[in-house]
Amino acid sequence: MKEYIDGVVQIGDAISSLSPKAQWVCYENDIDRIEWTDDSIPQPSNAEIEAEVKRLQSQYDALQYQRDRIYPPIGDQLDEIYHNGIDEWKKTIKAVKDAHPKP
């Protein structure tokens, strides 16, 4: 999934999703300031763009728990298993999962 600037889906993200090969310019993330520079691909309507922004933002927000689950690097995990055993490693992983449960 694409990462969005500050976790916010922009107008351009929606246009790119709806018309990936189109050429356009969007000024200041303003839906009323889109310059469509490619006549071979039809421009999505403002309603379609707004709906796509909402869909993409919802999709991004639904996976927040995955971005929050930051596990230790694999090398550190293997070190922990080697030095402390599987049970201690499981405690480390469980702590991350418990702190950020799936919705």
PDB file of N, CA and C in Angstrom:
ATOM      1  N   MET A   1       0.843  -1.179   0.000  1.00  0.00           N
ATOM      2  CA  MET A   1       0.000   0.000   0.000  1.00  0.00           C
ATOM      3  C   MET A   1       0.882   1.233   0.000  1.00  0.00           C
ATOM      4  N   LYS A   2       0.461   2.214  -0.720  1.00  0.00           N
ATOM      5  CA  LYS A   2       1.195   3.469  -0.803  1.00  0.00           C
ATOM      6  C   LYS A   2       1.135   4.198   0.540  1.00  0.00           C
ATOM      7  N   GLU A   3       2.237   4.797   0.926  1.00  0.00           N
ATOM      8  CA  GLU A   3       2.252   5.651   2.114  1.00  0.00           C
ATOM      9  C   GLU A   3       1.898   7.067   1.675  1.00  0.00           C
ATOM     10  N   TYR A   4       1.090   7.736   2.449  1.00  0.00           N
ATOM     11  CA  TYR A   4       0.644   9.081   2.122  1.00  0.00           C
ATOM     12  C   TYR A   4       1.337  10.094   3.012  1.00  0.00           C
ATOM     13  N   ILE A   5       1.544  11.283   2.507  1.00  0.00           N
ATOM     14  CA  ILE A   5       2.186  12.349   3.269  1.00  0.00           C
ATOM     15  C   ILE A   5       1.346  12.634   4.504  1.00  0.00           C
ATOM     16  N   ASP A   6       1.962  12.492   5.667  1.00  0.00           N
ATOM     17  CA  ASP A   6       1.280  12.708   6.953  1.00  0.00           C
ATOM     18  C   ASP A   6       0.012  11.861   7.083  1.00  0.00           C
ATOM     19  N   GLY A   7      -0.056  10.746   6.361  1.00  0.00           N
ATOM     20  CA  GLY A   7      -1.207   9.858   6.466  1.00  0.00           C
ATOM     21  C   GLY A   7      -2.478  10.390   5.842  1.00  0.00           C
ATOM     22  N   VAL A   8      -2.355  11.408   4.990  1.00  0.00           N
ATOM     23  CA  VAL A   8      -3.541  12.016   4.384  1.00  0.00           C
ATOM     24  C   VAL A   8      -3.530  11.763   2.878  1.00  0.00           C
ATOM     25  N   VAL A   9      -4.624  11.243   2.385  1.00  0.00           N
ATOM     26  CA  VAL A   9      -4.780  11.013   0.951  1.00  0.00           C
ATOM     27  C   VAL A   9      -5.066  12.355   0.281  1.00  0.00           C
ATOM     28  N   GLN A  10      -4.364  12.636  -0.799  1.00  0.00           N
ATOM     29  CA  GLN A  10      -4.500  13.893  -1.527  1.00  0.00           C
ATOM     30  C   GLN A  10      -5.356  13.679  -2.789  1.00  0.00           C
ATOM     31  N   ILE A  11      -5.798  14.775  -3.373  1.00  0.00           N
ATOM     32  CA  ILE A  11      -6.557  14.741  -4.626  1.00  0.00           C
ATOM     33  C   ILE A  11      -5.752  13.990  -5.701  1.00  0.00           C
ATOM     34  N   GLY A  12      -4.477  14.276  -5.785  1.00  0.00           N
ATOM     35  CA  GLY A  12      -3.624  13.636  -6.792  1.00  0.00           C
ATOM     36  C   GLY A  12      -3.538  12.129  -6.620  1.00  0.00           C
ATOM     37  N   ASP A  13      -3.563  11.664  -5.375  1.00  0.00           N
ATOM     38  CA  ASP A  13      -3.544  10.223  -5.129  1.00  0.00           C
ATOM     39  C   ASP A  13      -4.799   9.567  -5.717  1.00  0.00           C
ATOM     40  N   ALA A  14      -5.921  10.235  -5.538  1.00  0.00           N
ATOM     41  CA  ALA A  14      -7.185   9.703  -6.052  1.00  0.00           C
ATOM     42  C   ALA A  14      -7.197   9.708  -7.578  1.00  0.00           C
ATOM     43  N   ILE A  15      -6.716  10.793  -8.181  1.00  0.00           N
ATOM     44  CA  ILE A  15      -6.680  10.859  -9.649  1.00  0.00           C
ATOM     45  C   ILE A  15      -5.764   9.767 -10.192  1.00  0.00           C
ATOM     46  N   SER A  16      -4.605   9.593  -9.574  1.00  0.00           N
ATOM     47  CA  SER A  16      -3.670   8.554 -10.018  1.00  0.00           C
ATOM     48  C   SER A  16      -4.273   7.162  -9.881  1.00  0.00           C
ATOM     49  N   SER A  17      -5.077   6.970  -8.854  1.00  0.00           N
ATOM     50  CA  SER A  17      -5.731   5.677  -8.662  1.00  0.00           C
ATOM     51  C   SER A  17      -6.812   5.443  -9.721  1.00  0.00           C
ATOM     52  N   LEU A  18      -7.579   6.485 -10.020  1.00  0.00           N
ATOM     53  CA  LEU A  18      -8.669   6.362 -10.994  1.00  0.00           C
ATOM     54  C   LEU A  18      -8.178   6.318 -12.435  1.00  0.00           C
ATOM     55  N   SER A  19      -7.143   7.094 -12.733  1.00  0.00           N
ATOM     56  CA  SER A  19      -6.624   7.205 -14.105  1.00  0.00           C
ATOM     57  C   SER A  19      -5.097   7.172 -14.075  1.00  0.00           C
ATOM     58  N   PRO A  20      -4.523   5.983 -13.854  1.00  0.00           N
ATOM     59  CA  PRO A  20      -3.076   5.889 -13.642  1.00  0.00           C
ATOM     60  C   PRO A  20      -2.208   6.396 -14.795  1.00  0.00           C
ATOM     61  N   LYS A  21      -2.698   6.395 -16.012  1.00  0.00           N
ATOM     62  CA  LYS A  21      -1.870   6.802 -17.151  1.00  0.00           C
ATOM     63  C   LYS A  21      -2.153   8.225 -17.621  1.00  0.00           C
ATOM     64  N   ALA A  22      -3.067   8.892 -16.955  1.00  0.00           N
ATOM     65  CA  ALA A  22      -3.447  10.243 -17.364  1.00  0.00           C
ATOM     66  C   ALA A  22      -2.376  11.255 -16.982  1.00  0.00           C
ATOM     67  N   GLN A  23      -2.391  12.367 -17.694  1.00  0.00           N
ATOM     68  CA  GLN A  23      -1.486  13.480 -17.406  1.00  0.00           C
ATOM     69  C   GLN A  23      -2.331  14.656 -16.937  1.00  0.00           C
ATOM     70  N   TRP A  24      -1.967  15.191 -15.787  1.00  0.00           N
ATOM     71  CA  TRP A  24      -2.753  16.253 -15.179  1.00  0.00           C
ATOM     72  C   TRP A  24      -1.887  17.019 -14.188  1.00  0.00           C
ATOM     73  N   VAL A  25      -2.401  18.165 -13.759  1.00  0.00           N
ATOM     74  CA  VAL A  25      -1.765  18.962 -12.712  1.00  0.00           C
ATOM     75  C   VAL A  25      -2.879  19.390 -11.764  1.00  0.00           C
ATOM     76  N   CYS A  26      -2.609  19.257 -10.472  1.00  0.00           N
ATOM     77  CA  CYS A  26      -3.571  19.708  -9.462  1.00  0.00           C
ATOM     78  C   CYS A  26      -2.866  20.740  -8.600  1.00  0.00           C
ATOM     79  N   TYR A  27      -3.407  21.929  -8.549  1.00  0.00           N
ATOM     80  CA  TYR A  27      -2.791  23.014  -7.801  1.00  0.00           C
ATOM     81  C   TYR A  27      -3.342  23.074  -6.381  1.00  0.00           C
ATOM     82  N   GLU A  28      -2.425  23.087  -5.408  1.00  0.00           N
ATOM     83  CA  GLU A  28      -2.740  23.253  -3.988  1.00  0.00           C
ATOM     84  C   GLU A  28      -3.775  22.251  -3.474  1.00  0.00           C
ATOM     85  N   ASN A  29      -3.757  21.045  -4.023  1.00  0.00           N
ATOM     86  CA  ASN A  29      -4.689  19.990  -3.602  1.00  0.00           C
ATOM     87  C   ASN A  29      -6.143  20.464  -3.657  1.00  0.00           C
ATOM     88  N   ASP A  30      -6.453  21.276  -4.646  1.00  0.00           N
ATOM     89  CA  ASP A  30      -7.786  21.867  -4.805  1.00  0.00           C
ATOM     90  C   ASP A  30      -8.495  21.170  -5.959  1.00  0.00           C
ATOM     91  N   ILE A  31      -9.591  20.520  -5.660  1.00  0.00           N
ATOM     92  CA  ILE A  31     -10.327  19.758  -6.676  1.00  0.00           C
ATOM     93  C   ILE A  31     -10.834  20.655  -7.805  1.00  0.00           C
ATOM     94  N   ASP A  32     -10.995  21.931  -7.537  1.00  0.00           N
ATOM     95  CA  ASP A  32     -11.452  22.862  -8.572  1.00  0.00           C
ATOM     96  C   ASP A  32     -10.293  23.458  -9.367  1.00  0.00           C
ATOM     97  N   ARG A  33      -9.062  23.039  -9.049  1.00  0.00           N
ATOM     98  CA  ARG A  33      -7.898  23.571  -9.767  1.00  0.00           C
ATOM     99  C   ARG A  33      -7.091  22.427 -10.383  1.00  0.00           C
ATOM    100  N   ILE A  34      -7.794  21.550 -11.069  1.00  0.00           N
ATOM    101  CA  ILE A  34      -7.148  20.442 -11.767  1.00  0.00           C
ATOM    102  C   ILE A  34      -7.061  20.801 -13.244  1.00  0.00           C
ATOM    103  N   GLU A  35      -5.878  20.692 -13.790  1.00  0.00           N
ATOM    104  CA  GLU A  35      -5.661  20.952 -15.213  1.00  0.00           C
ATOM    105  C   GLU A  35      -5.390  19.599 -15.872  1.00  0.00           C
ATOM    106  N   TRP A  36      -6.310  19.161 -16.686  1.00  0.00           N
ATOM    107  CA  TRP A  36      -6.210  17.872 -17.374  1.00  0.00           C
ATOM    108  C   TRP A  36      -5.448  18.092 -18.672  1.00  0.00           C
ATOM    109  N   THR A  37      -4.275  17.512 -18.810  1.00  0.00           N
ATOM    110  CA  THR A  37      -3.428  17.771 -19.979  1.00  0.00           C
ATOM    111  C   THR A  37      -3.406  16.611 -20.957  1.00  0.00           C
ATOM    112  N   ASP A  38      -4.308  15.679 -20.787  1.00  0.00           N
ATOM    113  CA  ASP A  38      -4.351  14.490 -21.637  1.00  0.00           C
ATOM    114  C   ASP A  38      -5.787  14.268 -22.091  1.00  0.00           C
ATOM    115  N   ASP A  39      -6.052  14.560 -23.360  1.00  0.00           N
ATOM    116  CA  ASP A  39      -7.414  14.417 -23.878  1.00  0.00           C
ATOM    117  C   ASP A  39      -7.775  12.982 -24.233  1.00  0.00           C
ATOM    118  N   SER A  40      -6.799  12.088 -24.265  1.00  0.00           N
ATOM    119  CA  SER A  40      -7.078  10.710 -24.667  1.00  0.00           C
ATOM    120  C   SER A  40      -7.708   9.881 -23.540  1.00  0.00           C
ATOM    121  N   ILE A  41      -7.629  10.388 -22.314  1.00  0.00           N
ATOM    122  CA  ILE A  41      -8.212   9.680 -21.168  1.00  0.00           C
ATOM    123  C   ILE A  41      -9.235  10.608 -20.522  1.00  0.00           C
ATOM    124  N   PRO A  42     -10.470  10.142 -20.363  1.00  0.00           N
ATOM    125  CA  PRO A  42     -11.502  11.017 -19.794  1.00  0.00           C
ATOM    126  C   PRO A  42     -11.195  11.378 -18.336  1.00  0.00           C
ATOM    127  N   GLN A  43     -11.481  12.622 -18.003  1.00  0.00           N
ATOM    128  CA  GLN A  43     -11.252  13.098 -16.644  1.00  0.00           C
ATOM    129  C   GLN A  43     -12.361  12.582 -15.725  1.00  0.00           C
ATOM    130  N   PRO A  44     -11.992  12.018 -14.558  1.00  0.00           N
ATOM    131  CA  PRO A  44     -13.039  11.613 -13.609  1.00  0.00           C
ATOM    132  C   PRO A  44     -13.782  12.853 -13.096  1.00  0.00           C
ATOM    133  N   SER A  45     -15.026  12.665 -12.732  1.00  0.00           N
ATOM    134  CA  SER A  45     -15.807  13.779 -12.184  1.00  0.00           C
ATOM    135  C   SER A  45     -15.314  14.117 -10.781  1.00  0.00           C
ATOM    136  N   ASN A  46     -15.677  15.306 -10.311  1.00  0.00           N
ATOM    137  CA  ASN A  46     -15.307  15.690  -8.947  1.00  0.00           C
ATOM    138  C   ASN A  46     -15.878  14.702  -7.929  1.00  0.00           C
ATOM    139  N   ALA A  47     -17.091  14.235  -8.165  1.00  0.00           N
ATOM    140  CA  ALA A  47     -17.717  13.270  -7.255  1.00  0.00           C
ATOM    141  C   ALA A  47     -16.922  11.959  -7.228  1.00  0.00           C
ATOM    142  N   GLU A  48     -16.461  11.522  -8.392  1.00  0.00           N
ATOM    143  CA  GLU A  48     -15.659  10.297  -8.448  1.00  0.00           C
ATOM    144  C   GLU A  48     -14.329  10.484  -7.718  1.00  0.00           C
ATOM    145  N   ILE A  49     -13.720  11.641  -7.888  1.00  0.00           N
ATOM    146  CA  ILE A  49     -12.444  11.927  -7.222  1.00  0.00           C
ATOM    147  C   ILE A  49     -12.650  11.975  -5.711  1.00  0.00           C
ATOM    148  N   GLU A  50     -13.682  12.666  -5.260  1.00  0.00           N
ATOM    149  CA  GLU A  50     -13.960  12.762  -3.823  1.00  0.00           C
ATOM    150  C   GLU A  50     -14.251  11.387  -3.226  1.00  0.00           C
ATOM    151  N   ALA A  51     -15.001  10.564  -3.941  1.00  0.00           N
ATOM    152  CA  ALA A  51     -15.297   9.211  -3.458  1.00  0.00           C
ATOM    153  C   ALA A  51     -14.023   8.376  -3.373  1.00  0.00           C
ATOM    154  N   GLU A  52     -13.120   8.566  -4.322  1.00  0.00           N
ATOM    155  CA  GLU A  52     -11.859   7.810  -4.323  1.00  0.00           C
ATOM    156  C   GLU A  52     -10.945   8.267  -3.185  1.00  0.00           C
ATOM    157  N   VAL A  53     -10.937   9.568  -2.902  1.00  0.00           N
ATOM    158  CA  VAL A  53     -10.165  10.067  -1.756  1.00  0.00           C
ATOM    159  C   VAL A  53     -10.669   9.390  -0.484  1.00  0.00           C
ATOM    160  N   LYS A  54     -11.978   9.346  -0.300  1.00  0.00           N
ATOM    161  CA  LYS A  54     -12.563   8.720   0.889  1.00  0.00           C
ATOM    162  C   LYS A  54     -12.238   7.232   0.946  1.00  0.00           C
ATOM    163  N   ARG A  55     -12.321   6.552  -0.190  1.00  0.00           N
ATOM    164  CA  ARG A  55     -12.029   5.119  -0.224  1.00  0.00           C
ATOM    165  C   ARG A  55     -10.566   4.845   0.136  1.00  0.00           C
ATOM    166  N   LEU A  56      -9.661   5.604  -0.480  1.00  0.00           N
ATOM    167  CA  LEU A  56      -8.238   5.412  -0.208  1.00  0.00           C
ATOM    168  C   LEU A  56      -7.889   5.754   1.241  1.00  0.00           C
ATOM    169  N   GLN A  57      -8.500   6.831   1.773  1.00  0.00           N
ATOM    170  CA  GLN A  57      -8.228   7.211   3.164  1.00  0.00           C
ATOM    171  C   GLN A  57      -8.739   6.139   4.118  1.00  0.00           C
ATOM    172  N   SER A  58      -9.911   5.607   3.830  1.00  0.00           N
ATOM    173  CA  SER A  58     -10.471   4.541   4.666  1.00  0.00           C
ATOM    174  C   SER A  58      -9.591   3.298   4.636  1.00  0.00           C
ATOM    175  N   GLN A  59      -9.111   2.963   3.452  1.00  0.00           N
ATOM    176  CA  GLN A  59      -8.213   1.819   3.289  1.00  0.00           C
ATOM    177  C   GLN A  59      -6.922   2.046   4.083  1.00  0.00           C
ATOM    178  N   TYR A  60      -6.376   3.245   3.997  1.00  0.00           N
ATOM    179  CA  TYR A  60      -5.148   3.590   4.730  1.00  0.00           C
ATOM    180  C   TYR A  60      -5.391   3.525   6.245  1.00  0.00           C
ATOM    181  N   ASP A  61      -6.484   4.129   6.699  1.00  0.00           N
ATOM    182  CA  ASP A  61      -6.791   4.165   8.132  1.00  0.00           C
ATOM    183  C   ASP A  61      -7.020   2.774   8.704  1.00  0.00           C
ATOM    184  N   ALA A  62      -7.618   1.889   7.919  1.00  0.00           N
ATOM    185  CA  ALA A  62      -7.919   0.534   8.393  1.00  0.00           C
ATOM    186  C   ALA A  62      -6.669  -0.269   8.706  1.00  0.00           C
ATOM    187  N   LEU A  63      -5.546   0.126   8.158  1.00  0.00           N
ATOM    188  CA  LEU A  63      -4.305  -0.616   8.373  1.00  0.00           C
ATOM    189  C   LEU A  63      -3.346   0.087   9.335  1.00  0.00           C
ATOM    190  N   GLN A  64      -3.871   1.045  10.104  1.00  0.00           N
ATOM    191  CA  GLN A  64      -3.020   1.779  11.044  1.00  0.00           C
ATOM    192  C   GLN A  64      -2.339   0.831  12.036  1.00  0.00           C
ATOM    193  N   TYR A  65      -3.067  -0.171  12.516  1.00  0.00           N
ATOM    194  CA  TYR A  65      -2.477  -1.080  13.495  1.00  0.00           C
ATOM    195  C   TYR A  65      -1.235  -1.772  12.930  1.00  0.00           C
ATOM    196  N   GLN A  66      -1.222  -2.049  11.637  1.00  0.00           N
ATOM    197  CA  GLN A  66      -0.037  -2.674  11.036  1.00  0.00           C
ATOM    198  C   GLN A  66       1.157  -1.733  11.059  1.00  0.00           C
ATOM    199  N   ARG A  67       0.918  -0.453  10.813  1.00  0.00           N
ATOM    200  CA  ARG A  67       2.021   0.507  10.844  1.00  0.00           C
ATOM    201  C   ARG A  67       2.515   0.728  12.267  1.00  0.00           C
ATOM    202  N   ASP A  68       1.629   0.579  13.256  1.00  0.00           N
ATOM    203  CA  ASP A  68       2.012   0.760  14.649  1.00  0.00           C
ATOM    204  C   ASP A  68       2.789  -0.431  15.211  1.00  0.00           C
ATOM    205  N   ARG A  69       2.580  -1.593  14.632  1.00  0.00           N
ATOM    206  CA  ARG A  69       3.262  -2.799  15.116  1.00  0.00           C
ATOM    207  C   ARG A  69       4.697  -2.808  14.606  1.00  0.00           C
ATOM    208  N   ILE A  70       5.573  -2.259  15.399  1.00  0.00           N
ATOM    209  CA  ILE A  70       6.978  -2.213  15.006  1.00  0.00           C
ATOM    210  C   ILE A  70       7.721  -3.262  15.819  1.00  0.00           C
ATOM    211  N   TYR A  71       8.072  -4.338  15.145  1.00  0.00           N
ATOM    212  CA  TYR A  71       8.800  -5.425  15.793  1.00  0.00           C
ATOM    213  C   TYR A  71      10.296  -5.124  15.774  1.00  0.00           C
ATOM    214  N   PRO A  72      11.034  -5.727  16.713  1.00  0.00           N
ATOM    215  CA  PRO A  72      12.489  -5.564  16.672  1.00  0.00           C
ATOM    216  C   PRO A  72      13.046  -6.125  15.356  1.00  0.00           C
ATOM    217  N   PRO A  73      14.180  -5.600  14.908  1.00  0.00           N
ATOM    218  CA  PRO A  73      14.797  -6.140  13.689  1.00  0.00           C
ATOM    219  C   PRO A  73      15.030  -7.656  13.825  1.00  0.00           C
ATOM    220  N   ILE A  74      14.969  -8.357  12.720  1.00  0.00           N
ATOM    221  CA  ILE A  74      15.063  -9.820  12.740  1.00  0.00           C
ATOM    222  C   ILE A  74      16.367 -10.295  13.385  1.00  0.00           C
ATOM    223  N   GLY A  75      17.455  -9.569  13.170  1.00  0.00           N
ATOM    224  CA  GLY A  75      18.728  -9.946  13.797  1.00  0.00           C
ATOM    225  C   GLY A  75      18.627  -9.921  15.314  1.00  0.00           C
ATOM    226  N   ASP A  76      17.968  -8.893  15.846  1.00  0.00           N
ATOM    227  CA  ASP A  76      17.774  -8.801  17.298  1.00  0.00           C
ATOM    228  C   ASP A  76      16.858  -9.913  17.797  1.00  0.00           C
ATOM    229  N   GLN A  77      15.859 -10.249  17.007  1.00  0.00           N
ATOM    230  CA  GLN A  77      14.954 -11.339  17.398  1.00  0.00           C
ATOM    231  C   GLN A  77      15.711 -12.665  17.459  1.00  0.00           C
ATOM    232  N   LEU A  78      16.553 -12.906  16.463  1.00  0.00           N
ATOM    233  CA  LEU A  78      17.326 -14.151  16.457  1.00  0.00           C
ATOM    234  C   LEU A  78      18.309 -14.190  17.619  1.00  0.00           C
ATOM    235  N   ASP A  79      18.913 -13.053  17.932  1.00  0.00           N
ATOM    236  CA  ASP A  79      19.803 -12.973  19.094  1.00  0.00           C
ATOM    237  C   ASP A  79      19.046 -13.316  20.374  1.00  0.00           C
ATOM    238  N   GLU A  80      17.850 -12.767  20.502  1.00  0.00           N
ATOM    239  CA  GLU A  80      17.046 -13.040  21.697  1.00  0.00           C
ATOM    240  C   GLU A  80      16.713 -14.520  21.807  1.00  0.00           C
ATOM    241  N   ILE A  81      16.361 -15.131  20.701  1.00  0.00           N
ATOM    242  CA  ILE A  81      16.077 -16.573  20.716  1.00  0.00           C
ATOM    243  C   ILE A  81      17.324 -17.337  21.138  1.00  0.00           C
ATOM    244  N   TYR A  82      18.463 -16.991  20.583  1.00  0.00           N
ATOM    245  CA  TYR A  82      19.714 -17.697  20.884  1.00  0.00           C
ATOM    246  C   TYR A  82      20.094 -17.547  22.362  1.00  0.00           C
ATOM    247  N   HIS A  83      19.998 -16.308  22.881  1.00  0.00           N
ATOM    248  CA  HIS A  83      20.458 -16.053  24.243  1.00  0.00           C
ATOM    249  C   HIS A  83      19.409 -16.343  25.311  1.00  0.00           C
ATOM    250  N   ASN A  84      18.129 -16.153  24.983  1.00  0.00           N
ATOM    251  CA  ASN A  84      17.079 -16.255  26.014  1.00  0.00           C
ATOM    252  C   ASN A  84      16.038 -17.328  25.745  1.00  0.00           C
ATOM    253  N   GLY A  85      16.054 -17.922  24.567  1.00  0.00           N
ATOM    254  CA  GLY A  85      15.100 -18.983  24.250  1.00  0.00           C
ATOM    255  C   GLY A  85      13.827 -18.458  23.598  1.00  0.00           C
ATOM    256  N   ILE A  86      13.092 -19.384  23.051  1.00  0.00           N
ATOM    257  CA  ILE A  86      11.856 -19.077  22.324  1.00  0.00           C
ATOM    258  C   ILE A  86      10.808 -18.422  23.228  1.00  0.00           C
ATOM    259  N   ASP A  87      10.700 -18.886  24.465  1.00  0.00           N
ATOM    260  CA  ASP A  87       9.655 -18.341  25.341  1.00  0.00           C
ATOM    261  C   ASP A  87       9.847 -16.855  25.607  1.00  0.00           C
ATOM    262  N   GLU A  88      11.071 -16.397  25.790  1.00  0.00           N
ATOM    263  CA  GLU A  88      11.329 -14.968  25.998  1.00  0.00           C
ATOM    264  C   GLU A  88      11.050 -14.179  24.716  1.00  0.00           C
ATOM    265  N   TRP A  89      11.435 -14.764  23.575  1.00  0.00           N
ATOM    266  CA  TRP A  89      11.155 -14.118  22.287  1.00  0.00           C
ATOM    267  C   TRP A  89       9.648 -13.953  22.100  1.00  0.00           C
ATOM    268  N   LYS A  90       8.876 -14.996  22.432  1.00  0.00           N
ATOM    269  CA  LYS A  90       7.418 -14.927  22.306  1.00  0.00           C
ATOM    270  C   LYS A  90       6.853 -13.803  23.162  1.00  0.00           C
ATOM    271  N   LYS A  91       7.426 -13.590  24.352  1.00  0.00           N
ATOM    272  CA  LYS A  91       6.960 -12.507  25.223  1.00  0.00           C
ATOM    273  C   LYS A  91       7.191 -11.149  24.567  1.00  0.00           C
ATOM    274  N   THR A  92       8.339 -10.990  23.918  1.00  0.00           N
ATOM    275  CA  THR A  92       8.658  -9.728  23.242  1.00  0.00           C
ATOM    276  C   THR A  92       7.658  -9.456  22.116  1.00  0.00           C
ATOM    277  N   ILE A  93       7.402 -10.468  21.301  1.00  0.00           N
ATOM    278  CA  ILE A  93       6.470 -10.316  20.173  1.00  0.00           C
ATOM    279  C   ILE A  93       5.054 -10.091  20.683  1.00  0.00           C
ATOM    280  N   LYS A  94       4.659 -10.819  21.719  1.00  0.00           N
ATOM    281  CA  LYS A  94       3.312 -10.679  22.286  1.00  0.00           C
ATOM    282  C   LYS A  94       3.099  -9.266  22.836  1.00  0.00           C
ATOM    283  N   ALA A  95       4.136  -8.681  23.430  1.00  0.00           N
ATOM    284  CA  ALA A  95       4.005  -7.324  23.964  1.00  0.00           C
ATOM    285  C   ALA A  95       3.671  -6.323  22.847  1.00  0.00           C
ATOM    286  N   VAL A  96       4.310  -6.485  21.691  1.00  0.00           N
ATOM    287  CA  VAL A  96       4.020  -5.598  20.548  1.00  0.00           C
ATOM    288  C   VAL A  96       2.586  -5.824  20.071  1.00  0.00           C
ATOM    289  N   LYS A  97       2.197  -7.084  19.941  1.00  0.00           N
ATOM    290  CA  LYS A  97       0.842  -7.407  19.472  1.00  0.00           C
ATOM    291  C   LYS A  97      -0.211  -6.901  20.456  1.00  0.00           C
ATOM    292  N   ASP A  98       0.055  -7.063  21.771  1.00  0.00           N
ATOM    293  CA  ASP A  98      -0.907  -6.608  22.778  1.00  0.00           C
ATOM    294  C   ASP A  98      -1.045  -5.086  22.792  1.00  0.00           C
ATOM    295  N   ALA A  99       0.065  -4.388  22.533  1.00  0.00           N
ATOM    296  CA  ALA A  99       0.029  -2.928  22.528  1.00  0.00           C
ATOM    297  C   ALA A  99      -0.729  -2.376  21.322  1.00  0.00           C
ATOM    298  N   HIS A 100      -0.773  -3.159  20.237  1.00  0.00           N
ATOM    299  CA  HIS A 100      -1.423  -2.708  19.000  1.00  0.00           C
ATOM    300  C   HIS A 100      -2.284  -3.838  18.423  1.00  0.00           C
ATOM    301  N   PRO A 101      -3.424  -4.134  19.055  1.00  0.00           N
ATOM    302  CA  PRO A 101      -4.270  -5.237  18.560  1.00  0.00           C
ATOM    303  C   PRO A 101      -4.955  -4.890  17.252  1.00  0.00           C
ATOM    304  N   LYS A 102      -5.316  -5.938  16.541  1.00  0.00           N
ATOM    305  CA  LYS A 102      -6.082  -5.738  15.322  1.00  0.00           C
ATOM    306  C   LYS A 102      -7.447  -5.169  15.709  1.00  0.00           C
ATOM    307  N   PRO A 103      -7.980  -4.278  14.892  1.00  0.00           N
ATOM    308  CA  PRO A 103      -9.292  -3.690  15.229  1.00  0.00           C
ATOM    309  C   PRO A 103     -10.409  -4.708  15.129  1.00  0.00           C
TER     310      PRO A 103
END
